[in-house]
Amino acid sequence: MEFMQIIVGNMKNFTYIVGDSKTRNGFIIDPSYDIDKVITAVRKLDLNIKYIFNTHSHWDHTIGNKEAVQRTGGQICAHESAPTNKDRSLKDKEVIKLDSLTIRIMHTPGHTPDGICYLLSDKTDTKKNYLFTGDTLFVGGCGRTDLPGGSNEDMYNSLVKIMREMPDKLIVYPGHDYGPTKRSKMGIEKENNYTLEERTKDEFLKFMLN
């Protein structure tokens, strides 16, 4: 698998480039700032971009969509409820296959109603799986819920009911470089991320209001 994690913009956003090593088909996750930097990386990896995936509709994750499409020909993919322009609407639990790569869609609202995570597996390396969490889960934290469309109740379901149930070995790649490391493992987050502590729904809601 071809892979690159790129820090872009002054908000420490991550843009990801992923591709199949043999066919050279690939995709971009959250093109936002510094599109020249991203396209240069795509060309360096010699990838044919088929999809442009958005984790959610906030402008700092989607502002580069239009130019990314113009320069790669990829299709914009976002959750069906996302208010942004898209070529393909994604549903929870939908599966997209791209050669050796399999991308599973996980609807994880809370930061935004249309928030999704992408669970990636590669049949050429079955020992590793990857989760691109956008602004649902950071290394050591989670996305804020006080912006329009944010919901503490939805975030509880996404973090406690979905994230905590994920395998410990899952490699976590967040939407921003806000933590002590640029990536993590789900087991480490379960142990150290205060937003993933086991709580009842009432306890979580009180916690988020503090």
N, C-alpha and C. Protein backbone atom coordinates (compact mmCIF):
# COMPACT_ATOMS: atom_id res chain seq x y z
N MET A 1 0.83 -1.19 0.00
CA MET A 1 0.00 0.00 0.00
C MET A 1 0.87 1.25 0.00
N GLU A 2 0.50 2.22 -0.81
CA GLU A 2 1.15 3.52 -0.80
C GLU A 2 0.41 4.42 0.17
N PHE A 3 1.17 5.20 0.94
CA PHE A 3 0.51 6.00 1.98
C PHE A 3 1.32 7.25 2.28
N MET A 4 0.61 8.36 2.49
CA MET A 4 1.28 9.58 2.93
C MET A 4 0.32 10.40 3.79
N GLN A 5 0.82 10.88 4.91
CA GLN A 5 0.10 11.77 5.81
C GLN A 5 0.76 13.14 5.70
N ILE A 6 -0.04 14.16 5.35
CA ILE A 6 0.51 15.48 5.09
C ILE A 6 -0.17 16.51 6.01
N ILE A 7 0.62 17.31 6.70
CA ILE A 7 0.09 18.41 7.49
C ILE A 7 -0.10 19.61 6.58
N VAL A 8 -1.29 20.20 6.60
CA VAL A 8 -1.60 21.33 5.73
C VAL A 8 -2.28 22.44 6.54
N GLY A 9 -2.02 23.68 6.16
CA GLY A 9 -2.71 24.82 6.74
C GLY A 9 -2.26 25.17 8.14
N ASN A 10 -2.81 26.29 8.65
CA ASN A 10 -2.42 26.78 9.97
C ASN A 10 -3.26 26.20 11.10
N MET A 11 -4.17 25.29 10.78
CA MET A 11 -4.96 24.60 11.81
C MET A 11 -4.49 23.16 11.99
N LYS A 12 -3.31 22.87 11.44
CA LYS A 12 -2.69 21.55 11.58
C LYS A 12 -3.59 20.43 11.08
N ASN A 13 -4.26 20.68 9.95
CA ASN A 13 -5.07 19.64 9.32
C ASN A 13 -4.19 18.55 8.74
N PHE A 14 -4.74 17.35 8.71
CA PHE A 14 -4.10 16.25 8.01
C PHE A 14 -4.86 15.96 6.71
N THR A 15 -4.13 15.86 5.62
CA THR A 15 -4.66 15.29 4.38
C THR A 15 -3.93 13.97 4.15
N TYR A 16 -4.67 12.96 3.72
CA TYR A 16 -4.09 11.63 3.52
C TYR A 16 -4.17 11.22 2.06
N ILE A 17 -3.13 10.55 1.60
CA ILE A 17 -3.10 9.97 0.26
C ILE A 17 -2.83 8.48 0.41
N VAL A 18 -3.69 7.67 -0.20
CA VAL A 18 -3.59 6.21 -0.08
C VAL A 18 -3.74 5.60 -1.46
N GLY A 19 -2.97 4.55 -1.74
CA GLY A 19 -3.11 3.91 -3.04
C GLY A 19 -2.66 2.46 -3.06
N ASP A 20 -3.10 1.77 -4.07
CA ASP A 20 -2.69 0.39 -4.30
C ASP A 20 -1.31 0.39 -4.95
N SER A 21 -0.39 -0.38 -4.39
CA SER A 21 1.00 -0.37 -4.86
C SER A 21 1.18 -0.95 -6.26
N LYS A 22 0.28 -1.83 -6.66
CA LYS A 22 0.43 -2.46 -7.98
C LYS A 22 -0.32 -1.70 -9.06
N THR A 23 -1.58 -1.41 -8.83
CA THR A 23 -2.38 -0.76 -9.87
C THR A 23 -2.17 0.74 -9.92
N ARG A 24 -1.65 1.31 -8.82
CA ARG A 24 -1.42 2.75 -8.67
C ARG A 24 -2.72 3.55 -8.59
N ASN A 25 -3.85 2.89 -8.38
CA ASN A 25 -5.10 3.59 -8.14
C ASN A 25 -5.17 3.99 -6.67
N GLY A 26 -5.72 5.17 -6.39
CA GLY A 26 -5.74 5.61 -5.01
C GLY A 26 -6.81 6.64 -4.72
N PHE A 27 -6.70 7.24 -3.53
CA PHE A 27 -7.69 8.24 -3.11
C PHE A 27 -7.04 9.24 -2.16
N ILE A 28 -7.72 10.37 -2.02
CA ILE A 28 -7.32 11.42 -1.09
C ILE A 28 -8.39 11.55 -0.02
N ILE A 29 -7.99 11.76 1.22
CA ILE A 29 -8.92 12.03 2.30
C ILE A 29 -8.73 13.46 2.77
N ASP A 30 -9.80 14.22 2.76
CA ASP A 30 -9.85 15.59 3.27
C ASP A 30 -8.83 16.54 2.64
N PRO A 31 -8.96 16.80 1.33
CA PRO A 31 -8.11 17.84 0.74
C PRO A 31 -8.59 19.21 1.21
N SER A 32 -7.72 19.97 1.81
CA SER A 32 -8.14 21.28 2.29
C SER A 32 -7.16 22.35 1.81
N TYR A 33 -6.19 22.69 2.65
CA TYR A 33 -5.20 23.69 2.27
C TYR A 33 -4.08 23.04 1.45
N ASP A 34 -3.19 23.91 0.92
CA ASP A 34 -1.93 23.47 0.31
C ASP A 34 -2.12 22.37 -0.73
N ILE A 35 -3.06 22.60 -1.65
CA ILE A 35 -3.34 21.57 -2.65
C ILE A 35 -2.12 21.29 -3.53
N ASP A 36 -1.32 22.30 -3.80
CA ASP A 36 -0.10 22.06 -4.59
C ASP A 36 0.77 21.01 -3.90
N LYS A 37 0.88 21.12 -2.59
CA LYS A 37 1.68 20.18 -1.81
C LYS A 37 1.10 18.77 -1.92
N VAL A 38 -0.22 18.67 -1.88
CA VAL A 38 -0.90 17.38 -1.97
C VAL A 38 -0.72 16.78 -3.37
N ILE A 39 -0.93 17.58 -4.40
CA ILE A 39 -0.81 17.08 -5.77
C ILE A 39 0.62 16.66 -6.07
N THR A 40 1.58 17.41 -5.54
CA THR A 40 2.98 17.02 -5.70
C THR A 40 3.24 15.64 -5.11
N ALA A 41 2.62 15.38 -3.94
CA ALA A 41 2.78 14.07 -3.29
C ALA A 41 2.09 12.98 -4.11
N VAL A 42 0.93 13.28 -4.66
CA VAL A 42 0.22 12.31 -5.51
C VAL A 42 1.09 11.93 -6.70
N ARG A 43 1.72 12.92 -7.31
CA ARG A 43 2.57 12.65 -8.47
C ARG A 43 3.83 11.89 -8.08
N LYS A 44 4.37 12.22 -6.92
CA LYS A 44 5.55 11.51 -6.44
C LYS A 44 5.24 10.03 -6.22
N LEU A 45 4.03 9.75 -5.72
CA LEU A 45 3.61 8.37 -5.50
C LEU A 45 3.13 7.71 -6.78
N ASP A 46 2.97 8.52 -7.85
CA ASP A 46 2.52 8.02 -9.15
C ASP A 46 1.16 7.33 -9.04
N LEU A 47 0.20 8.06 -8.44
CA LEU A 47 -1.12 7.49 -8.22
C LEU A 47 -2.17 8.12 -9.14
N ASN A 48 -3.12 7.28 -9.53
CA ASN A 48 -4.29 7.72 -10.28
C ASN A 48 -5.44 7.85 -9.28
N ILE A 49 -5.81 9.05 -8.93
CA ILE A 49 -6.80 9.29 -7.88
C ILE A 49 -8.21 9.02 -8.39
N LYS A 50 -8.87 8.04 -7.78
CA LYS A 50 -10.23 7.68 -8.14
C LYS A 50 -11.27 8.36 -7.27
N TYR A 51 -10.94 8.55 -5.98
CA TYR A 51 -11.91 9.10 -5.03
C TYR A 51 -11.27 10.20 -4.20
N ILE A 52 -12.12 11.13 -3.80
CA ILE A 52 -11.75 12.17 -2.84
C ILE A 52 -12.76 12.06 -1.71
N PHE A 53 -12.32 11.53 -0.59
CA PHE A 53 -13.20 11.27 0.54
C PHE A 53 -13.16 12.43 1.54
N ASN A 54 -14.33 12.84 2.00
CA ASN A 54 -14.44 13.83 3.07
C ASN A 54 -14.92 13.15 4.34
N THR A 55 -14.27 13.48 5.47
CA THR A 55 -14.74 12.94 6.74
C THR A 55 -15.93 13.71 7.29
N HIS A 56 -16.03 14.99 6.93
CA HIS A 56 -17.19 15.81 7.29
C HIS A 56 -17.14 17.10 6.48
N SER A 57 -18.16 17.92 6.64
CA SER A 57 -18.36 19.03 5.71
C SER A 57 -17.74 20.35 6.13
N HIS A 58 -17.04 20.43 7.26
CA HIS A 58 -16.43 21.69 7.64
C HIS A 58 -15.43 22.16 6.58
N TRP A 59 -15.41 23.46 6.35
CA TRP A 59 -14.63 24.03 5.24
C TRP A 59 -13.15 23.70 5.33
N ASP A 60 -12.62 23.57 6.54
CA ASP A 60 -11.19 23.31 6.65
C ASP A 60 -10.83 21.87 6.25
N HIS A 61 -11.83 21.06 5.94
CA HIS A 61 -11.58 19.70 5.44
C HIS A 61 -12.03 19.53 3.99
N THR A 62 -12.71 20.53 3.46
CA THR A 62 -13.29 20.39 2.13
C THR A 62 -12.92 21.50 1.16
N ILE A 63 -12.21 22.52 1.64
CA ILE A 63 -11.96 23.70 0.81
C ILE A 63 -11.15 23.36 -0.44
N GLY A 64 -10.42 22.26 -0.41
CA GLY A 64 -9.62 21.86 -1.57
C GLY A 64 -10.32 20.89 -2.51
N ASN A 65 -11.58 20.56 -2.22
CA ASN A 65 -12.29 19.57 -3.04
C ASN A 65 -12.29 19.91 -4.53
N LYS A 66 -12.72 21.14 -4.84
CA LYS A 66 -12.90 21.52 -6.23
C LYS A 66 -11.59 21.43 -7.01
N GLU A 67 -10.52 21.98 -6.43
CA GLU A 67 -9.25 21.94 -7.14
C GLU A 67 -8.69 20.53 -7.23
N ALA A 68 -8.93 19.74 -6.18
CA ALA A 68 -8.47 18.34 -6.22
C ALA A 68 -9.16 17.58 -7.35
N VAL A 69 -10.44 17.84 -7.56
CA VAL A 69 -11.18 17.21 -8.65
C VAL A 69 -10.62 17.66 -9.99
N GLN A 70 -10.39 18.95 -10.13
CA GLN A 70 -9.89 19.49 -11.38
C GLN A 70 -8.53 18.92 -11.75
N ARG A 71 -7.71 18.64 -10.74
CA ARG A 71 -6.33 18.23 -11.01
C ARG A 71 -6.11 16.72 -10.98
N THR A 72 -7.12 15.98 -10.51
CA THR A 72 -6.97 14.52 -10.46
C THR A 72 -8.08 13.77 -11.16
N GLY A 73 -9.26 14.39 -11.29
CA GLY A 73 -10.40 13.70 -11.88
C GLY A 73 -11.13 12.78 -10.92
N GLY A 74 -10.75 12.80 -9.64
CA GLY A 74 -11.40 11.94 -8.66
C GLY A 74 -12.82 12.36 -8.34
N GLN A 75 -13.60 11.42 -7.85
CA GLN A 75 -14.99 11.69 -7.45
C GLN A 75 -15.05 12.08 -5.98
N ILE A 76 -15.79 13.14 -5.68
CA ILE A 76 -15.98 13.55 -4.30
C ILE A 76 -17.00 12.63 -3.63
N CYS A 77 -16.61 12.07 -2.49
CA CYS A 77 -17.48 11.15 -1.75
C CYS A 77 -17.65 11.69 -0.33
N ALA A 78 -18.89 11.77 0.13
CA ALA A 78 -19.18 12.26 1.47
C ALA A 78 -20.47 11.60 1.95
N HIS A 79 -20.73 11.70 3.25
CA HIS A 79 -21.94 11.11 3.79
C HIS A 79 -23.17 11.70 3.11
N GLU A 80 -24.20 10.90 3.00
CA GLU A 80 -25.41 11.31 2.29
C GLU A 80 -26.04 12.57 2.87
N SER A 81 -25.80 12.86 4.15
CA SER A 81 -26.38 14.04 4.77
C SER A 81 -25.50 15.28 4.65
N ALA A 82 -24.30 15.13 4.09
CA ALA A 82 -23.39 16.28 3.98
C ALA A 82 -23.97 17.33 3.05
N PRO A 83 -23.94 18.61 3.44
CA PRO A 83 -24.50 19.67 2.61
C PRO A 83 -23.58 20.13 1.49
N THR A 84 -22.40 19.57 1.40
CA THR A 84 -21.44 19.96 0.37
C THR A 84 -21.71 19.26 -0.96
N ASN A 85 -21.15 19.80 -2.04
CA ASN A 85 -21.27 19.16 -3.34
C ASN A 85 -20.51 17.84 -3.33
N LYS A 86 -21.11 16.83 -3.90
CA LYS A 86 -20.47 15.51 -3.93
C LYS A 86 -20.94 14.73 -5.15
N ASP A 87 -20.11 13.83 -5.61
CA ASP A 87 -20.44 12.96 -6.73
C ASP A 87 -21.07 11.65 -6.26
N ARG A 88 -20.75 11.27 -5.03
CA ARG A 88 -21.25 10.00 -4.50
C ARG A 88 -21.64 10.18 -3.04
N SER A 89 -22.85 9.80 -2.71
CA SER A 89 -23.34 9.86 -1.34
C SER A 89 -23.08 8.53 -0.65
N LEU A 90 -22.50 8.60 0.53
CA LEU A 90 -22.12 7.40 1.26
C LEU A 90 -23.08 7.12 2.41
N LYS A 91 -23.34 5.83 2.64
CA LYS A 91 -24.21 5.40 3.72
C LYS A 91 -23.40 4.66 4.78
N ASP A 92 -23.91 4.67 6.00
CA ASP A 92 -23.28 3.93 7.08
C ASP A 92 -23.15 2.45 6.70
N LYS A 93 -21.98 1.90 6.97
CA LYS A 93 -21.66 0.49 6.72
C LYS A 93 -21.46 0.16 5.23
N GLU A 94 -21.51 1.15 4.38
CA GLU A 94 -21.23 0.92 2.96
C GLU A 94 -19.77 0.52 2.79
N VAL A 95 -19.51 -0.32 1.78
CA VAL A 95 -18.16 -0.79 1.51
C VAL A 95 -17.76 -0.40 0.09
N ILE A 96 -16.57 0.19 -0.02
CA ILE A 96 -16.02 0.55 -1.33
C ILE A 96 -14.73 -0.23 -1.52
N LYS A 97 -14.62 -0.91 -2.64
CA LYS A 97 -13.41 -1.68 -2.94
C LYS A 97 -12.62 -0.98 -4.04
N LEU A 98 -11.33 -0.86 -3.82
CA LEU A 98 -10.43 -0.29 -4.82
C LEU A 98 -9.21 -1.21 -4.91
N ASP A 99 -9.32 -2.17 -5.83
CA ASP A 99 -8.24 -3.15 -6.01
C ASP A 99 -7.97 -3.88 -4.70
N SER A 100 -6.78 -3.78 -4.13
CA SER A 100 -6.49 -4.52 -2.89
C SER A 100 -7.04 -3.83 -1.64
N LEU A 101 -7.55 -2.64 -1.80
CA LEU A 101 -8.00 -1.83 -0.66
C LEU A 101 -9.51 -1.92 -0.47
N THR A 102 -9.92 -2.02 0.78
CA THR A 102 -11.34 -2.02 1.12
C THR A 102 -11.60 -0.90 2.12
N ILE A 103 -12.55 -0.03 1.80
CA ILE A 103 -12.89 1.10 2.66
C ILE A 103 -14.32 0.91 3.16
N ARG A 104 -14.45 0.84 4.48
CA ARG A 104 -15.77 0.71 5.10
C ARG A 104 -16.18 2.03 5.73
N ILE A 105 -17.41 2.42 5.49
CA ILE A 105 -17.92 3.71 5.96
C ILE A 105 -18.56 3.54 7.34
N MET A 106 -18.16 4.39 8.26
CA MET A 106 -18.73 4.37 9.61
C MET A 106 -19.29 5.76 9.91
N HIS A 107 -20.59 5.86 10.04
CA HIS A 107 -21.22 7.15 10.35
C HIS A 107 -21.01 7.45 11.82
N THR A 108 -20.30 8.54 12.12
CA THR A 108 -19.95 8.87 13.50
C THR A 108 -20.27 10.35 13.77
N PRO A 109 -21.54 10.70 13.84
CA PRO A 109 -21.91 12.10 14.11
C PRO A 109 -21.54 12.51 15.53
N GLY A 110 -21.60 13.80 15.75
CA GLY A 110 -21.26 14.35 17.06
C GLY A 110 -20.58 15.69 16.86
N HIS A 111 -19.47 15.68 16.14
CA HIS A 111 -18.81 16.93 15.75
C HIS A 111 -19.65 17.63 14.69
N THR A 112 -20.14 16.85 13.73
CA THR A 112 -21.11 17.31 12.73
C THR A 112 -22.09 16.17 12.49
N PRO A 113 -23.29 16.46 11.98
CA PRO A 113 -24.25 15.39 11.70
C PRO A 113 -23.77 14.43 10.62
N ASP A 114 -22.93 14.91 9.70
CA ASP A 114 -22.49 14.09 8.57
C ASP A 114 -21.13 13.45 8.78
N GLY A 115 -20.60 13.49 9.99
CA GLY A 115 -19.27 12.96 10.24
C GLY A 115 -19.17 11.46 9.98
N ILE A 116 -18.11 11.07 9.30
CA ILE A 116 -17.87 9.64 9.07
C ILE A 116 -16.39 9.33 9.27
N CYS A 117 -16.13 8.08 9.61
CA CYS A 117 -14.78 7.56 9.68
C CYS A 117 -14.63 6.53 8.57
N TYR A 118 -13.39 6.36 8.12
CA TYR A 118 -13.10 5.40 7.06
C TYR A 118 -12.21 4.29 7.62
N LEU A 119 -12.74 3.08 7.62
CA LEU A 119 -11.99 1.91 8.09
C LEU A 119 -11.36 1.24 6.88
N LEU A 120 -10.04 1.24 6.84
CA LEU A 120 -9.31 0.76 5.67
C LEU A 120 -8.58 -0.55 5.96
N SER A 121 -8.74 -1.49 5.06
CA SER A 121 -7.97 -2.74 5.12
C SER A 121 -7.32 -2.98 3.77
N ASP A 122 -6.20 -3.69 3.81
CA ASP A 122 -5.42 -3.99 2.61
C ASP A 122 -5.18 -5.49 2.58
N LYS A 123 -5.69 -6.16 1.55
CA LYS A 123 -5.58 -7.62 1.50
C LYS A 123 -4.14 -8.09 1.32
N THR A 124 -3.23 -7.18 0.98
CA THR A 124 -1.82 -7.56 0.87
C THR A 124 -1.11 -7.49 2.22
N ASP A 125 -1.77 -6.93 3.23
CA ASP A 125 -1.21 -6.86 4.58
C ASP A 125 -2.35 -6.96 5.57
N THR A 126 -2.78 -8.17 5.83
CA THR A 126 -3.98 -8.40 6.64
C THR A 126 -3.75 -8.18 8.14
N LYS A 127 -2.51 -7.93 8.55
CA LYS A 127 -2.24 -7.74 9.97
C LYS A 127 -2.52 -6.32 10.43
N LYS A 128 -2.71 -5.41 9.48
CA LYS A 128 -2.93 -4.01 9.84
C LYS A 128 -4.24 -3.49 9.27
N ASN A 129 -4.95 -2.72 10.08
CA ASN A 129 -6.13 -2.01 9.64
C ASN A 129 -6.03 -0.58 10.13
N TYR A 130 -6.63 0.33 9.41
CA TYR A 130 -6.46 1.74 9.67
C TYR A 130 -7.82 2.43 9.79
N LEU A 131 -7.91 3.41 10.68
CA LEU A 131 -9.14 4.17 10.84
C LEU A 131 -8.83 5.65 10.73
N PHE A 132 -9.42 6.28 9.72
CA PHE A 132 -9.27 7.71 9.52
C PHE A 132 -10.47 8.39 10.18
N THR A 133 -10.21 9.10 11.27
CA THR A 133 -11.30 9.51 12.17
C THR A 133 -11.76 10.95 11.99
N GLY A 134 -11.13 11.71 11.10
CA GLY A 134 -11.56 13.09 10.92
C GLY A 134 -11.54 13.84 12.24
N ASP A 135 -12.63 14.54 12.54
CA ASP A 135 -12.73 15.28 13.80
C ASP A 135 -13.62 14.56 14.82
N THR A 136 -13.86 13.27 14.60
CA THR A 136 -14.57 12.50 15.62
C THR A 136 -13.65 12.17 16.77
N LEU A 137 -12.47 11.64 16.46
CA LEU A 137 -11.52 11.22 17.48
C LEU A 137 -10.14 11.75 17.14
N PHE A 138 -9.53 12.45 18.09
CA PHE A 138 -8.15 12.89 17.96
C PHE A 138 -7.25 11.99 18.81
N VAL A 139 -5.96 12.13 18.63
CA VAL A 139 -5.03 11.48 19.56
C VAL A 139 -5.10 12.25 20.87
N GLY A 140 -5.68 11.62 21.88
CA GLY A 140 -5.81 12.25 23.18
C GLY A 140 -7.02 13.12 23.37
N GLY A 141 -7.95 13.16 22.43
CA GLY A 141 -9.13 14.00 22.58
C GLY A 141 -10.20 13.66 21.56
N CYS A 142 -11.16 14.56 21.40
CA CYS A 142 -12.20 14.38 20.39
C CYS A 142 -12.59 15.74 19.83
N GLY A 143 -13.35 15.74 18.76
CA GLY A 143 -13.79 16.98 18.15
C GLY A 143 -14.78 17.72 19.03
N ARG A 144 -14.82 19.03 18.87
CA ARG A 144 -15.73 19.84 19.67
C ARG A 144 -17.17 19.65 19.19
N THR A 145 -18.09 19.88 20.09
CA THR A 145 -19.51 19.68 19.78
C THR A 145 -20.32 20.97 19.91
N ASP A 146 -19.65 22.10 20.12
CA ASP A 146 -20.36 23.36 20.35
C ASP A 146 -20.51 24.20 19.09
N LEU A 147 -20.19 23.63 17.93
CA LEU A 147 -20.41 24.30 16.66
C LEU A 147 -21.77 23.90 16.11
N PRO A 148 -22.32 24.67 15.14
CA PRO A 148 -23.63 24.31 14.57
C PRO A 148 -23.67 22.86 14.10
N GLY A 149 -24.69 22.14 14.54
CA GLY A 149 -24.85 20.73 14.17
C GLY A 149 -24.18 19.77 15.13
N GLY A 150 -23.38 20.29 16.05
CA GLY A 150 -22.72 19.42 17.02
C GLY A 150 -23.71 18.85 18.02
N SER A 151 -23.42 17.67 18.54
CA SER A 151 -24.34 17.01 19.46
C SER A 151 -23.56 16.16 20.45
N ASN A 152 -23.72 16.44 21.74
CA ASN A 152 -23.06 15.63 22.76
C ASN A 152 -23.62 14.21 22.80
N GLU A 153 -24.93 14.08 22.58
CA GLU A 153 -25.54 12.75 22.58
C GLU A 153 -25.01 11.91 21.42
N ASP A 154 -24.91 12.52 20.25
CA ASP A 154 -24.35 11.79 19.10
C ASP A 154 -22.89 11.44 19.33
N MET A 155 -22.15 12.37 19.94
CA MET A 155 -20.75 12.10 20.20
C MET A 155 -20.58 10.95 21.19
N TYR A 156 -21.47 10.87 22.16
CA TYR A 156 -21.44 9.74 23.10
C TYR A 156 -21.57 8.42 22.35
N ASN A 157 -22.55 8.34 21.45
CA ASN A 157 -22.75 7.10 20.70
C ASN A 157 -21.54 6.79 19.82
N SER A 158 -20.97 7.83 19.21
CA SER A 158 -19.84 7.61 18.31
C SER A 158 -18.59 7.17 19.05
N LEU A 159 -18.34 7.79 20.21
CA LEU A 159 -17.12 7.47 20.95
C LEU A 159 -17.28 6.21 21.80
N VAL A 160 -18.31 6.18 22.62
CA VAL A 160 -18.46 5.10 23.59
C VAL A 160 -19.05 3.84 22.96
N LYS A 161 -20.01 4.00 22.08
CA LYS A 161 -20.68 2.85 21.49
C LYS A 161 -19.98 2.31 20.24
N ILE A 162 -19.23 3.17 19.54
CA ILE A 162 -18.57 2.72 18.31
C ILE A 162 -17.06 2.63 18.47
N MET A 163 -16.42 3.74 18.85
CA MET A 163 -14.96 3.75 18.94
C MET A 163 -14.43 2.75 19.97
N ARG A 164 -15.06 2.69 21.13
CA ARG A 164 -14.58 1.80 22.19
C ARG A 164 -14.74 0.33 21.82
N GLU A 165 -15.59 0.04 20.85
CA GLU A 165 -15.81 -1.34 20.42
C GLU A 165 -14.83 -1.77 19.32
N MET A 166 -14.01 -0.84 18.86
CA MET A 166 -13.08 -1.15 17.78
C MET A 166 -11.87 -1.91 18.33
N PRO A 167 -11.21 -2.73 17.49
CA PRO A 167 -10.06 -3.52 17.95
C PRO A 167 -8.91 -2.64 18.44
N ASP A 168 -8.23 -3.11 19.47
CA ASP A 168 -7.13 -2.34 20.07
C ASP A 168 -5.99 -2.10 19.10
N LYS A 169 -5.75 -3.03 18.17
CA LYS A 169 -4.61 -2.91 17.26
C LYS A 169 -4.87 -1.95 16.10
N LEU A 170 -6.10 -1.46 15.99
CA LEU A 170 -6.46 -0.57 14.89
C LEU A 170 -5.62 0.71 14.95
N ILE A 171 -5.01 1.08 13.83
CA ILE A 171 -4.18 2.27 13.77
C ILE A 171 -5.07 3.48 13.48
N VAL A 172 -4.98 4.48 14.33
CA VAL A 172 -5.85 5.66 14.26
C VAL A 172 -5.11 6.83 13.62
N TYR A 173 -5.72 7.38 12.57
CA TYR A 173 -5.19 8.57 11.91
C TYR A 173 -6.25 9.68 12.00
N PRO A 174 -5.98 10.73 12.78
CA PRO A 174 -6.98 11.77 13.02
C PRO A 174 -6.99 12.87 11.95
N GLY A 175 -7.92 13.80 12.10
CA GLY A 175 -8.06 14.89 11.14
C GLY A 175 -7.17 16.08 11.41
N HIS A 176 -6.62 16.17 12.61
CA HIS A 176 -5.73 17.28 12.97
C HIS A 176 -4.55 16.76 13.80
N ASP A 177 -3.47 17.49 13.74
CA ASP A 177 -2.29 17.17 14.54
C ASP A 177 -2.40 17.89 15.88
N TYR A 178 -3.35 17.45 16.70
CA TYR A 178 -3.62 18.11 17.97
C TYR A 178 -3.09 17.32 19.18
N GLY A 179 -2.55 16.15 18.95
CA GLY A 179 -2.13 15.30 20.06
C GLY A 179 -0.62 15.18 20.18
N PRO A 180 -0.16 14.34 21.09
CA PRO A 180 1.28 14.16 21.29
C PRO A 180 1.94 13.39 20.15
N THR A 181 1.16 12.66 19.38
CA THR A 181 1.68 11.91 18.24
C THR A 181 0.77 12.12 17.05
N LYS A 182 1.28 11.84 15.86
CA LYS A 182 0.50 12.05 14.64
C LYS A 182 -0.44 10.89 14.33
N ARG A 183 -0.24 9.80 15.01
CA ARG A 183 -1.14 8.65 14.87
C ARG A 183 -1.13 7.92 16.21
N SER A 184 -2.03 6.96 16.34
CA SER A 184 -2.09 6.21 17.59
C SER A 184 -2.67 4.83 17.28
N LYS A 185 -2.89 4.06 18.32
CA LYS A 185 -3.63 2.80 18.21
C LYS A 185 -4.86 2.90 19.10
N MET A 186 -5.91 2.21 18.70
CA MET A 186 -7.16 2.32 19.44
C MET A 186 -6.99 1.87 20.89
N GLY A 187 -6.18 0.85 21.12
CA GLY A 187 -5.95 0.38 22.48
C GLY A 187 -5.32 1.45 23.35
N ILE A 188 -4.37 2.20 22.76
CA ILE A 188 -3.72 3.29 23.50
C ILE A 188 -4.74 4.38 23.81
N GLU A 189 -5.60 4.69 22.84
CA GLU A 189 -6.61 5.72 23.07
C GLU A 189 -7.62 5.30 24.14
N LYS A 190 -7.98 4.04 24.14
CA LYS A 190 -8.91 3.56 25.17
C LYS A 190 -8.31 3.73 26.56
N GLU A 191 -7.00 3.57 26.66
CA GLU A 191 -6.34 3.67 27.96
C GLU A 191 -6.06 5.11 28.37
N ASN A 192 -5.75 5.98 27.40
CA ASN A 192 -5.23 7.30 27.73
C ASN A 192 -6.09 8.48 27.29
N ASN A 193 -7.02 8.28 26.40
CA ASN A 193 -7.84 9.38 25.90
C ASN A 193 -9.03 9.58 26.85
N TYR A 194 -9.04 10.73 27.52
CA TYR A 194 -10.07 10.97 28.55
C TYR A 194 -11.48 11.00 27.97
N THR A 195 -11.62 11.27 26.66
CA THR A 195 -12.96 11.28 26.08
C THR A 195 -13.49 9.88 25.81
N LEU A 196 -12.61 8.87 25.86
CA LEU A 196 -13.03 7.49 25.60
C LEU A 196 -13.20 6.68 26.88
N GLU A 197 -13.09 7.32 28.03
CA GLU A 197 -13.29 6.60 29.28
C GLU A 197 -14.71 6.03 29.33
N GLU A 198 -14.85 4.88 29.96
CA GLU A 198 -16.17 4.26 30.08
C GLU A 198 -17.05 5.11 30.98
N ARG A 199 -18.15 5.57 30.43
CA ARG A 199 -19.11 6.39 31.15
C ARG A 199 -20.52 6.02 30.73
N THR A 200 -21.47 6.27 31.61
CA THR A 200 -22.87 6.17 31.21
C THR A 200 -23.17 7.39 30.34
N LYS A 201 -24.29 7.36 29.67
CA LYS A 201 -24.66 8.49 28.83
C LYS A 201 -24.79 9.76 29.65
N ASP A 202 -25.43 9.68 30.81
CA ASP A 202 -25.59 10.86 31.67
C ASP A 202 -24.23 11.39 32.13
N GLU A 203 -23.33 10.48 32.47
CA GLU A 203 -21.99 10.89 32.90
C GLU A 203 -21.24 11.58 31.76
N PHE A 204 -21.40 11.05 30.55
CA PHE A 204 -20.72 11.64 29.40
C PHE A 204 -21.26 13.03 29.11
N LEU A 205 -22.58 13.19 29.16
CA LEU A 205 -23.18 14.49 28.86
C LEU A 205 -22.74 15.54 29.88
N LYS A 206 -22.66 15.16 31.15
CA LYS A 206 -22.19 16.09 32.18
C LYS A 206 -20.72 16.43 31.95
N PHE A 207 -19.94 15.41 31.59
CA PHE A 207 -18.52 15.61 31.32
C PHE A 207 -18.30 16.59 30.18
N MET A 208 -19.08 16.47 29.11
CA MET A 208 -18.90 17.32 27.94
C MET A 208 -19.32 18.76 28.21
N LEU A 209 -20.14 18.98 29.21
CA LEU A 209 -20.60 20.34 29.54
C LEU A 209 -19.61 21.06 30.45
N ASN A 210 -18.67 20.33 31.02
CA ASN A 210 -17.69 20.94 31.94
C ASN A 210 -16.56 21.63 31.16
